[in-house]
Each structure stands twice: as C-alpha cells, then as structure tokens.
Amino acid sequence: MATVLISCVTLMSCGSDDDETPTPNNLQSGDKTFNVYASAVLDKNLAEYGYMEVTYTCQGKTETFQLKKGDASEKFPTADNFGVRVLSFAGSQLGVTYTDDNFIIRNVQLKNLKMDESAVFKYKFVVAENRPEYTEKSDFVVPGVVGYATGSYSVVYSSLQYAKGLKVEQFESWLEKRTIERTLTFSPNQSQE
C-alpha cells in the first residue's frame, strides 16, 4: 500500500498520519482578527464502510457533526477554489481525477477570531458494523479537513491524504487506523500537542 500525501508548495501545508499543526507561512499586518474557512471531507467510496465524525471548538463553543453515506454535500468554498486545486494537484501526480462531486463535504466558517484564538478540529472515521465486503483493490482519499485562514493571518491547511491501490488483505487494518482521532488546529500561535 502506498499512502501519498496531497501537497502543494504554494497552496498548502503538508499532512501526516499524526495530529496536524502546520506552521504559519504568511503573517500580515492590519486588523488583529482572522477568519477560518474549513471543509470536512469524506470520500463517497469510503462512506460505504462507515462515517466521519467531526468536532470543532472555537471561542468557547463546541459543535459536533457527522458525514454519512447519502448526506447532502456542500461544495468547497469558492475562494481560490482551493479544495479542488488541492485534489487536482494530487490527482495529476497519481493519475486520478477528483472533483468535489466525489466527496461528502461540510463547510464551517468562523469569523473574526482574535489573534490569540484558535479553531480546533478533531475528527475520526467510525466503521460501520454492517459494511460491505472489500473485495477489490481501490483508491481512497482519507477523511480529513482542508481549509484556510485569512485576514491578519493567512495560511492554508490540509490533513487530506491519499491511499493509492489499497489491497484487500490490508483493508481492515487500514480502516482501523482511520478510527484514531486526529486534530487540525487553525491558529497563528502553533505548538505541537
């Protein structure tokens, strides 16, 4: 199995299988606030085997939602069409074409965060008990969060990964690893957890 990270030098920070804490690459002067535009992303093919659970915390408030097979999907935010560009870049490297139509997407917009605040997204995959049998080697985009902060502080974040040619005999252990909770933090003051 080859897991390839979706990455682009000028477009995003690289992801890994661990908690995501990218380093800000563009601090700007001006207002002392920033906005977060984030998209939780579940591959429709993977939704056959379970669902994605997402919890985000910002300004003392917490919200949880799920992305499941058959849910209505939103489109990636239109600003710079960054979600589609991230997926297109990875696809061009791997010979696969993806658009936001291949995913169940939920967008979250958080406005006017102060420079000492952050938005923390925790997410995991929950495996369905009554799932179909995995019988054929397939490709998946791993459930994750992609987004950007803009304002006084600007950077693009992504925890999206790509699993190319996942073999049948590796599927159950790979699926189990997706159930580990991951974290992506949008903040001008990054620190490793």
Protein backbone atom coordinates (compact mmCIF):
# COMPACT_ATOMS: atom_id res chain seq x y z
CA MET A 1 0.00 0.00 0.00
CA ALA A 2 1.29 3.42 -0.87
CA THR A 3 -0.11 6.39 1.01
CA VAL A 4 0.68 9.63 -0.76
CA LEU A 5 0.16 12.99 0.88
CA ILE A 6 -1.77 15.61 -1.03
CA SER A 7 0.59 18.59 -1.04
CA CYS A 8 1.48 21.68 -2.99
CA VAL A 9 4.33 24.02 -2.12
CA THR A 10 2.49 27.30 -2.54
CA LEU A 11 -1.01 26.01 -1.89
CA MET A 12 -0.94 24.13 1.38
CA SER A 13 0.91 22.72 4.33
CA CYS A 14 1.72 19.03 4.25
CA GLY A 15 -0.32 16.49 6.20
CA SER A 16 0.73 13.37 8.06
CA ASP A 17 -0.97 10.50 9.83
CA ASP A 18 -0.41 12.30 13.15
CA ASP A 19 -2.05 15.44 14.54
CA GLU A 20 -1.88 18.31 12.11
CA THR A 21 -0.20 21.53 13.26
CA PRO A 22 1.16 23.43 10.24
CA THR A 23 3.42 26.41 10.64
CA PRO A 24 2.01 29.79 9.58
CA ASN A 25 3.75 30.98 6.43
CA ASN A 26 2.27 34.41 5.88
CA LEU A 27 1.58 36.80 8.75
CA GLN A 28 0.23 40.13 7.62
CA SER A 29 -0.25 43.45 9.37
CA GLY A 30 -3.62 45.16 9.66
CA ASP A 31 -6.67 44.06 11.62
CA LYS A 32 -5.96 41.84 14.58
CA THR A 33 -8.56 39.26 13.54
CA PHE A 34 -8.78 36.39 11.08
CA ASN A 35 -11.45 34.15 9.58
CA VAL A 36 -11.39 30.38 9.14
CA TYR A 37 -12.97 28.58 6.18
CA ALA A 38 -12.76 24.82 6.72
CA SER A 39 -14.21 21.81 4.91
CA ALA A 40 -14.61 18.35 6.43
CA VAL A 41 -14.18 15.84 3.60
CA LEU A 42 -15.36 12.22 3.32
CA ASP A 43 -14.68 10.19 0.17
CA LYS A 44 -18.05 8.87 -1.10
CA ASN A 45 -16.44 5.47 -1.79
CA LEU A 46 -15.23 5.21 1.80
CA ALA A 47 -18.70 6.21 3.10
CA GLU A 48 -19.80 2.70 2.12
CA TYR A 49 -17.78 1.43 5.12
CA GLY A 50 -18.70 3.96 7.84
CA TYR A 51 -18.97 7.66 8.58
CA MET A 52 -16.84 10.62 9.62
CA GLU A 53 -17.37 12.35 12.97
CA VAL A 54 -16.10 15.91 13.38
CA THR A 55 -15.98 18.14 16.46
CA TYR A 56 -14.71 21.70 16.32
CA THR A 57 -14.10 24.14 19.15
CA CYS A 58 -13.76 27.90 18.74
CA GLN A 59 -14.34 30.87 21.04
CA GLY A 60 -15.50 28.59 23.86
CA LYS A 61 -18.15 26.85 21.74
CA THR A 62 -18.10 23.25 20.55
CA GLU A 63 -20.11 21.66 17.74
CA THR A 64 -20.17 18.05 16.53
CA PHE A 65 -21.48 16.74 13.23
CA GLN A 66 -21.24 13.61 11.10
CA LEU A 67 -20.78 12.98 7.40
CA LYS A 68 -22.60 9.83 6.25
CA LYS A 69 -23.44 7.99 3.06
CA GLY A 70 -26.41 9.68 1.39
CA ASP A 71 -25.94 13.04 3.16
CA ALA A 72 -26.40 16.14 1.03
CA SER A 73 -22.97 17.54 0.22
CA GLU A 74 -21.83 21.13 0.00
CA LYS A 75 -19.20 22.34 -2.47
CA PHE A 76 -15.77 23.56 -1.49
CA PRO A 77 -15.71 27.32 -0.80
CA THR A 78 -15.17 29.27 -4.00
CA ALA A 79 -12.30 31.48 -2.80
CA ASP A 80 -9.34 30.37 -4.92
CA ASN A 81 -11.22 27.05 -5.38
CA PHE A 82 -8.56 25.70 -3.02
CA GLY A 83 -10.18 22.35 -2.23
CA VAL A 84 -10.49 21.36 -5.87
CA ARG A 85 -6.99 22.66 -6.57
CA VAL A 86 -5.53 20.55 -3.74
CA LEU A 87 -7.29 17.44 -5.05
CA SER A 88 -6.45 18.19 -8.69
CA PHE A 89 -2.75 18.59 -7.87
CA ALA A 90 -2.64 15.23 -6.08
CA GLY A 91 -4.68 13.56 -8.80
CA SER A 92 -2.36 14.81 -11.52
CA GLN A 93 0.58 13.28 -9.64
CA LEU A 94 -1.23 9.96 -9.25
CA GLY A 95 -3.19 9.75 -12.49
CA VAL A 96 -6.58 10.13 -10.76
CA THR A 97 -9.21 12.81 -11.36
CA TYR A 98 -11.16 14.12 -8.36
CA THR A 99 -13.68 16.94 -8.04
CA ASP A 100 -15.77 17.96 -5.05
CA ASP A 101 -18.53 15.72 -6.51
CA ASN A 102 -16.50 12.70 -5.31
CA PHE A 103 -16.98 13.72 -1.66
CA ILE A 104 -19.44 14.45 1.09
CA ILE A 105 -18.39 17.92 2.26
CA ARG A 106 -19.46 20.08 5.21
CA ASN A 107 -18.18 23.65 5.33
CA VAL A 108 -17.56 25.62 8.52
CA GLN A 109 -16.98 29.38 8.54
CA LEU A 110 -15.66 31.03 11.70
CA LYS A 111 -15.41 34.82 11.58
CA ASN A 112 -13.48 37.48 13.48
CA LEU A 113 -11.19 35.29 15.56
CA LYS A 114 -8.69 37.28 17.58
CA MET A 115 -5.01 36.63 17.07
CA ASP A 116 -4.75 34.78 20.41
CA GLU A 117 -7.64 32.43 19.50
CA SER A 118 -7.72 29.21 17.53
CA ALA A 119 -10.17 26.84 15.87
CA VAL A 120 -9.51 23.19 16.71
CA PHE A 121 -11.00 20.40 14.56
CA LYS A 122 -10.96 16.82 15.84
CA TYR A 123 -12.17 14.09 13.53
CA LYS A 124 -12.21 10.32 13.09
CA PHE A 125 -13.77 7.62 10.97
CA VAL A 126 -16.37 5.37 12.60
CA VAL A 127 -16.50 1.92 11.00
CA ALA A 128 -19.99 0.59 10.19
CA GLU A 129 -20.84 -2.78 11.74
CA ASN A 130 -22.83 -3.90 8.69
CA ARG A 131 -20.44 -2.85 5.94
CA PRO A 132 -19.95 -4.47 2.55
CA GLU A 133 -17.05 -6.79 1.99
CA TYR A 134 -13.98 -5.13 0.49
CA THR A 135 -13.12 -7.35 -2.49
CA GLU A 136 -11.19 -5.23 -4.97
CA LYS A 137 -8.08 -3.05 -4.65
CA SER A 138 -9.20 0.61 -4.59
CA ASP A 139 -8.05 4.19 -4.11
CA PHE A 140 -9.36 6.46 -1.34
CA VAL A 141 -8.91 9.99 -0.10
CA VAL A 142 -8.60 9.62 3.68
CA PRO A 143 -11.24 11.54 5.70
CA GLY A 144 -9.82 14.88 6.77
CA VAL A 145 -10.15 18.64 6.98
CA VAL A 146 -8.88 21.18 4.47
CA GLY A 147 -9.19 24.93 4.84
CA TYR A 148 -7.57 28.30 5.16
CA ALA A 149 -7.28 31.26 7.49
CA THR A 150 -7.43 34.75 6.06
CA GLY A 151 -7.14 38.28 7.45
CA SER A 152 -4.28 39.47 9.64
CA TYR A 153 -3.05 35.89 9.49
CA SER A 154 -3.21 33.82 6.30
CA VAL A 155 -2.27 30.20 5.68
CA VAL A 156 -3.78 27.12 4.02
CA TYR A 157 -4.13 23.88 5.99
CA SER A 158 -4.84 20.32 4.95
CA SER A 159 -4.92 16.95 6.64
CA LEU A 160 -6.05 15.18 3.44
CA GLN A 161 -4.12 12.07 2.44
CA TYR A 162 -4.44 9.71 -0.46
CA ALA A 163 -4.36 5.89 -0.23
CA LYS A 164 -3.39 4.51 -3.63
CA GLY A 165 -4.20 0.91 -4.52
CA LEU A 166 -5.26 -0.31 -1.09
CA LYS A 167 -5.00 -4.12 -1.15
CA VAL A 168 -7.83 -6.34 0.04
CA GLU A 169 -5.74 -8.05 2.73
CA GLN A 170 -4.67 -4.67 4.17
CA PHE A 171 -8.08 -3.02 4.20
CA GLU A 172 -9.33 -3.95 7.69
CA SER A 173 -6.15 -2.85 9.47
CA TRP A 174 -6.03 0.34 7.37
CA LEU A 175 -9.68 1.04 8.22
CA GLU A 176 -8.99 0.54 11.92
CA LYS A 177 -6.21 3.17 11.80
CA ARG A 178 -8.72 5.70 10.45
CA THR A 179 -10.69 5.39 13.72
CA ILE A 180 -7.92 7.16 15.65
CA GLU A 181 -8.94 10.75 16.39
CA ARG A 182 -6.88 13.35 14.50
CA THR A 183 -6.55 17.10 15.14
CA LEU A 184 -6.13 20.08 12.83
CA THR A 185 -5.67 23.49 14.51
CA PHE A 186 -6.09 26.83 12.76
CA SER A 187 -4.07 29.31 14.82
CA PRO A 188 -1.37 31.96 14.39
CA ASN A 189 0.29 30.56 17.54
CA GLN A 190 1.03 26.96 16.60
CA SER A 191 2.53 24.49 19.05
CA GLN A 192 2.87 20.73 18.94
CA GLU A 193 0.47 18.85 21.24
